[in-house]
């Protein structure tokens, strides 16, 4: 049943109960993640491992990839081994070998034909989600500033885009994929994330970073992270629309599934991971 329109705007009104559930669950999850981020260590790593595992399960369910449980178990074993190996400083060739073997096995066992793409893709996405925040937090050159920058850019993009889009409306961003998103929301999210990302970079040294970015570079990377975050959101919307799914799951009240919360995060984390690899290669040269 369509949602009633807000008087005078022609835009659908968000039910108070759904908005309340969305707000409460968002605050609870935010506090949980921030608390784990401050603590760091294995607690932080386990939280992101569980998030990555949930992403695999929801992705397999959306795309109706079978056999669901064996594939999820296999992905979980690979994910757990790589996460634990990374924290214990296992040799890089071993970790890469485990990832390659896991991706190949998932592709071999999955069905139907499309599942041979979606199953390894789900694990690849989960590895980014599970590894990048922990790697940023553990890196002494970046420390707490890394994951806080990532969270700040993604969360601000999501919140600013939502409220700016609902307040200003206007032309749709990509109506065939996500009918509610607008260009005003896109620009609002971009501006908000650029400001917050620059603010985190300004205080990076106070957060434990030994190598801080200049403010212009930090703002530019924050803007790029925001664009990638919104692109990840659209990509997940396209996937759900292709398979007729409204939400990736029902785990988070008001938000849907874990993938619905981490679609933009994955894309921004991918950027952060590439930047970390670049920083490491530059430092070793």
Protein backbone atom coordinates (compact mmCIF):
# COMPACT_ATOMS: atom_id res chain seq x y z
CA UNK A 1 0.00 0.00 0.00
CA UNK A 2 1.49 3.41 -0.96
CA UNK A 3 2.49 5.76 1.83
CA UNK A 4 0.33 8.87 2.23
CA UNK A 5 1.73 12.08 0.82
CA UNK A 6 2.94 14.89 3.02
CA UNK A 7 0.46 17.77 2.50
CA UNK A 8 1.70 20.40 0.07
CA UNK A 9 4.79 18.47 -1.03
CA UNK A 10 3.58 15.51 -3.03
CA UNK A 11 6.27 13.41 -1.30
CA UNK A 12 5.47 10.33 0.80
CA UNK A 13 5.35 10.87 4.53
CA UNK A 14 7.49 8.58 6.66
CA UNK A 15 5.37 6.90 9.37
CA UNK A 16 6.33 8.08 12.85
CA UNK A 17 6.68 4.53 14.17
CA UNK A 18 9.05 3.51 11.37
CA UNK A 19 11.09 6.69 11.71
CA UNK A 20 11.27 6.12 15.47
CA UNK A 21 12.47 2.54 15.03
CA UNK A 22 14.99 3.72 12.46
CA UNK A 23 16.31 6.41 14.78
CA UNK A 24 16.54 4.21 17.89
CA UNK A 25 18.21 1.29 16.11
CA UNK A 26 20.61 3.70 14.38
CA UNK A 27 21.64 5.24 17.70
CA UNK A 28 22.08 1.85 19.38
CA UNK A 29 24.17 0.49 16.52
CA UNK A 30 26.21 3.68 16.35
CA UNK A 31 27.02 3.57 20.08
CA UNK A 32 27.91 -0.13 19.86
CA UNK A 33 30.26 0.41 16.94
CA UNK A 34 31.86 3.51 18.45
CA UNK A 35 32.39 1.74 21.76
CA UNK A 36 34.04 -1.20 20.02
CA UNK A 37 36.14 1.20 17.96
CA UNK A 38 37.47 2.93 21.07
CA UNK A 39 38.27 -0.45 22.61
CA UNK A 40 39.81 -1.92 19.46
CA UNK A 41 41.38 -5.37 19.59
CA UNK A 42 39.54 -8.64 19.13
CA UNK A 43 36.15 -7.25 20.14
CA UNK A 44 36.30 -4.81 17.25
CA UNK A 45 37.47 -7.56 14.89
CA UNK A 46 34.69 -9.97 15.93
CA UNK A 47 31.99 -7.33 15.39
CA UNK A 48 33.15 -6.72 11.84
CA UNK A 49 33.54 -10.46 11.19
CA UNK A 50 29.89 -10.95 12.18
CA UNK A 51 28.87 -8.02 9.97
CA UNK A 52 30.72 -9.56 7.04
CA UNK A 53 29.14 -12.95 7.65
CA UNK A 54 25.67 -11.36 7.73
CA UNK A 55 26.42 -9.68 4.39
CA UNK A 56 27.21 -13.06 2.82
CA UNK A 57 24.04 -14.64 4.18
CA UNK A 58 21.80 -11.81 3.00
CA UNK A 59 23.47 -11.63 -0.42
CA UNK A 60 22.98 -15.37 -0.97
CA UNK A 61 19.35 -15.08 0.11
CA UNK A 62 18.57 -12.09 -2.15
CA UNK A 63 20.10 -13.76 -5.21
CA UNK A 64 18.59 -17.15 -4.29
CA UNK A 65 22.01 -18.77 -4.51
CA UNK A 66 22.14 -22.40 -3.34
CA UNK A 67 23.07 -24.45 -1.41
CA UNK A 68 22.62 -21.61 1.07
CA UNK A 69 23.86 -23.11 4.34
CA UNK A 70 26.93 -24.94 3.00
CA UNK A 71 28.00 -21.84 1.06
CA UNK A 72 27.48 -19.63 4.12
CA UNK A 73 29.47 -22.06 6.29
CA UNK A 74 32.32 -22.17 3.78
CA UNK A 75 32.38 -18.38 3.46
CA UNK A 76 32.34 -18.10 7.26
CA UNK A 77 35.34 -20.40 7.61
CA UNK A 78 37.33 -18.47 5.02
CA UNK A 79 36.32 -15.14 6.54
CA UNK A 80 37.19 -16.24 10.09
CA UNK A 81 40.54 -17.66 8.99
CA UNK A 82 41.53 -14.52 7.09
CA UNK A 83 40.39 -12.14 9.85
CA UNK A 84 42.24 -14.14 12.53
CA UNK A 85 45.28 -14.55 10.29
CA UNK A 86 45.44 -10.83 9.57
CA UNK A 87 45.31 -9.96 13.28
CA UNK A 88 47.97 -12.56 14.08
CA UNK A 89 50.20 -11.24 11.27
CA UNK A 90 50.11 -14.44 9.21
CA UNK A 91 52.23 -14.36 6.03
CA UNK A 92 50.50 -12.45 3.24
CA UNK A 93 50.85 -15.29 0.67
CA UNK A 94 48.94 -17.59 3.02
CA UNK A 95 46.13 -15.09 3.45
CA UNK A 96 45.90 -14.44 -0.27
CA UNK A 97 45.92 -18.20 -0.93
CA UNK A 98 43.05 -18.74 1.52
CA UNK A 99 41.04 -15.96 -0.13
CA UNK A 100 41.67 -17.30 -3.63
CA UNK A 101 40.76 -20.86 -2.58
CA UNK A 102 37.58 -19.68 -0.87
CA UNK A 103 36.45 -17.63 -3.84
CA UNK A 104 37.13 -20.51 -6.23
CA UNK A 105 35.27 -23.06 -4.08
CA UNK A 106 32.24 -20.79 -3.72
CA UNK A 107 32.12 -20.27 -7.47
CA UNK A 108 32.45 -24.02 -8.05
CA UNK A 109 29.73 -25.08 -5.58
CA UNK A 110 27.14 -22.34 -6.18
CA UNK A 111 24.08 -22.67 -8.35
CA UNK A 112 22.37 -21.54 -10.54
CA UNK A 113 24.85 -20.07 -13.03
CA UNK A 114 24.43 -16.53 -11.70
CA UNK A 115 25.28 -17.82 -8.23
CA UNK A 116 28.78 -18.62 -9.45
CA UNK A 117 29.28 -14.88 -9.63
CA UNK A 118 27.22 -13.80 -6.63
CA UNK A 119 28.66 -16.27 -4.12
CA UNK A 120 32.32 -15.23 -4.51
CA UNK A 121 31.24 -11.59 -4.87
CA UNK A 122 29.49 -11.80 -1.50
CA UNK A 123 32.67 -13.11 0.15
CA UNK A 124 34.80 -10.43 -1.49
CA UNK A 125 32.44 -7.76 -0.17
CA UNK A 126 32.46 -9.36 3.29
CA UNK A 127 36.26 -9.40 3.36
CA UNK A 128 36.37 -5.65 2.71
CA UNK A 129 33.78 -5.02 5.42
CA UNK A 130 35.53 -7.25 7.95
CA UNK A 131 39.15 -6.33 7.29
CA UNK A 132 39.39 -2.64 6.42
CA UNK A 133 38.02 -1.04 9.64
CA UNK A 134 40.23 -3.33 11.74
CA UNK A 135 43.30 -2.72 9.58
CA UNK A 136 42.80 1.04 9.87
CA UNK A 137 42.34 0.81 13.65
CA UNK A 138 45.43 -1.39 14.10
CA UNK A 139 47.75 0.66 11.89
CA UNK A 140 49.91 2.85 14.18
CA UNK A 141 50.20 5.54 11.51
CA UNK A 142 46.42 5.96 11.39
CA UNK A 143 44.97 4.63 14.63
CA UNK A 144 41.55 5.67 15.81
CA UNK A 145 41.33 8.44 13.21
CA UNK A 146 41.00 5.92 10.37
CA UNK A 147 37.75 4.16 11.30
CA UNK A 148 36.30 7.40 12.70
CA UNK A 149 36.91 9.09 9.36
CA UNK A 150 35.28 6.17 7.56
CA UNK A 151 32.25 6.16 9.87
CA UNK A 152 31.96 9.94 9.73
CA UNK A 153 31.95 10.06 5.94
CA UNK A 154 29.48 7.18 5.49
CA UNK A 155 27.09 8.08 8.31
CA UNK A 156 27.05 11.78 7.46
CA UNK A 157 26.46 10.99 3.79
CA UNK A 158 23.50 8.80 4.69
CA UNK A 159 21.93 11.17 7.23
CA UNK A 160 22.53 14.41 5.31
CA UNK A 161 21.32 12.90 2.04
CA UNK A 162 18.16 11.57 3.68
CA UNK A 163 17.11 14.81 5.35
CA UNK A 164 18.26 17.12 2.54
CA UNK A 165 16.44 15.04 -0.04
CA UNK A 166 13.23 14.97 1.97
CA UNK A 167 13.41 18.70 2.73
CA UNK A 168 14.27 19.95 -0.77
CA UNK A 169 13.03 17.20 -3.09
CA UNK A 170 13.65 17.95 -6.74
CA UNK A 171 14.89 15.81 -9.65
CA UNK A 172 15.46 12.14 -8.98
CA UNK A 173 19.00 10.79 -8.93
CA UNK A 174 18.29 7.45 -10.63
CA UNK A 175 14.55 6.72 -10.51
CA UNK A 176 14.79 3.41 -12.35
CA UNK A 177 16.92 1.99 -9.51
CA UNK A 178 16.01 4.03 -6.43
CA UNK A 179 12.87 6.17 -6.88
CA UNK A 180 13.28 8.08 -3.59
CA UNK A 181 16.82 9.40 -4.03
CA UNK A 182 17.23 12.94 -5.35
CA UNK A 183 20.07 15.09 -6.62
CA UNK A 184 19.50 17.45 -3.71
CA UNK A 185 20.03 14.54 -1.32
CA UNK A 186 23.17 13.52 -3.20
CA UNK A 187 24.61 17.03 -2.93
CA UNK A 188 23.60 17.35 0.73
CA UNK A 189 25.31 14.09 1.59
CA UNK A 190 28.40 15.09 -0.38
CA UNK A 191 28.70 18.45 1.37
CA UNK A 192 28.09 17.05 4.84
CA UNK A 193 30.61 14.23 4.42
CA UNK A 194 33.25 16.61 3.08
CA UNK A 195 32.91 18.84 6.15
CA UNK A 196 32.92 15.97 8.66
CA UNK A 197 35.79 14.17 6.93
CA UNK A 198 37.84 17.35 6.96
CA UNK A 199 37.05 17.86 10.65
CA UNK A 200 38.26 14.34 11.51
CA UNK A 201 41.46 14.94 9.56
CA UNK A 202 42.02 18.19 11.46
CA UNK A 203 41.92 16.33 14.75
CA UNK A 204 43.71 13.20 13.49
CA UNK A 205 46.86 13.69 15.54
CA UNK A 206 44.79 14.09 18.69
CA UNK A 207 43.19 10.73 17.83
CA UNK A 208 46.50 8.87 17.66
CA UNK A 209 47.47 9.27 14.00
CA UNK A 210 51.17 9.82 13.36
CA UNK A 211 50.60 10.67 9.68
CA UNK A 212 47.78 13.16 9.12
CA UNK A 213 46.46 14.35 5.77
CA UNK A 214 46.38 17.99 4.78
CA UNK A 215 42.93 19.55 5.07
CA UNK A 216 42.42 20.02 1.28
CA UNK A 217 43.43 16.41 0.57
CA UNK A 218 41.27 15.11 3.41
CA UNK A 219 38.26 17.04 2.09
CA UNK A 220 38.86 15.76 -1.44
CA UNK A 221 39.10 12.15 -0.24
CA UNK A 222 36.02 12.63 1.95
CA UNK A 223 34.08 13.91 -1.06
CA UNK A 224 35.23 10.90 -3.10
CA UNK A 225 34.29 8.60 -0.23
CA UNK A 226 30.82 10.15 -0.15
CA UNK A 227 30.35 9.62 -3.87
CA UNK A 228 31.47 6.01 -3.56
CA UNK A 229 29.20 5.49 -0.56
CA UNK A 230 26.19 6.72 -2.49
CA UNK A 231 27.27 4.62 -5.47
CA UNK A 232 27.38 1.53 -3.25
CA UNK A 233 23.89 2.33 -2.02
CA UNK A 234 22.62 2.53 -5.59
CA UNK A 235 24.41 -0.70 -6.55
CA UNK A 236 22.67 -2.59 -3.76
CA UNK A 237 19.34 -1.05 -4.77
CA UNK A 238 19.92 -2.28 -8.33
CA UNK A 239 20.68 -5.78 -7.04
CA UNK A 240 17.54 -5.89 -4.89
CA UNK A 241 15.40 -4.53 -7.72
CA UNK A 242 16.76 -7.17 -10.10
CA UNK A 243 15.62 -9.90 -7.69
CA UNK A 244 12.43 -8.24 -6.49
CA UNK A 245 13.61 -7.69 -2.90
CA UNK A 246 12.55 -4.65 -0.86
CA UNK A 247 15.12 -5.07 1.93
CA UNK A 248 18.14 -7.31 2.29
CA UNK A 249 16.73 -8.66 5.57
CA UNK A 250 14.83 -7.76 8.72
CA UNK A 251 17.57 -7.86 11.33
CA UNK A 252 17.70 -4.10 12.04
CA UNK A 253 14.36 -2.41 12.93
CA UNK A 254 13.58 0.46 10.58
CA UNK A 255 16.62 -0.23 8.43
CA UNK A 256 16.11 -3.71 7.00
CA UNK A 257 19.14 -5.98 6.83
CA UNK A 258 22.85 -5.59 7.44
CA UNK A 259 23.51 -5.10 3.73
CA UNK A 260 21.06 -2.18 3.76
CA UNK A 261 23.31 -0.49 6.34
CA UNK A 262 26.65 -1.49 4.84
CA UNK A 263 26.09 -0.99 1.11
CA UNK A 264 27.62 2.48 1.14
CA UNK A 265 30.09 1.50 3.86
CA UNK A 266 31.54 -1.26 1.68
CA UNK A 267 32.28 1.14 -1.17
CA UNK A 268 33.87 3.77 1.09
CA UNK A 269 35.82 1.04 2.94
CA UNK A 270 37.14 -0.19 -0.39
CA UNK A 271 38.51 3.31 -1.01
CA UNK A 272 40.03 3.42 2.48
CA UNK A 273 41.59 -0.01 1.97
CA UNK A 274 43.18 1.05 -1.31
CA UNK A 275 44.55 4.18 0.37
CA UNK A 276 45.99 2.04 3.16
CA UNK A 277 47.65 -0.29 0.67
CA UNK A 278 49.09 2.73 -1.14
CA UNK A 279 50.41 4.17 2.13
CA UNK A 280 51.99 0.82 3.04
CA UNK A 281 53.64 0.39 -0.36
CA UNK A 282 54.91 3.95 -0.27
CA UNK A 283 56.35 3.43 3.21
CA UNK A 284 58.12 0.22 2.22
CA UNK A 285 59.70 1.68 -0.92
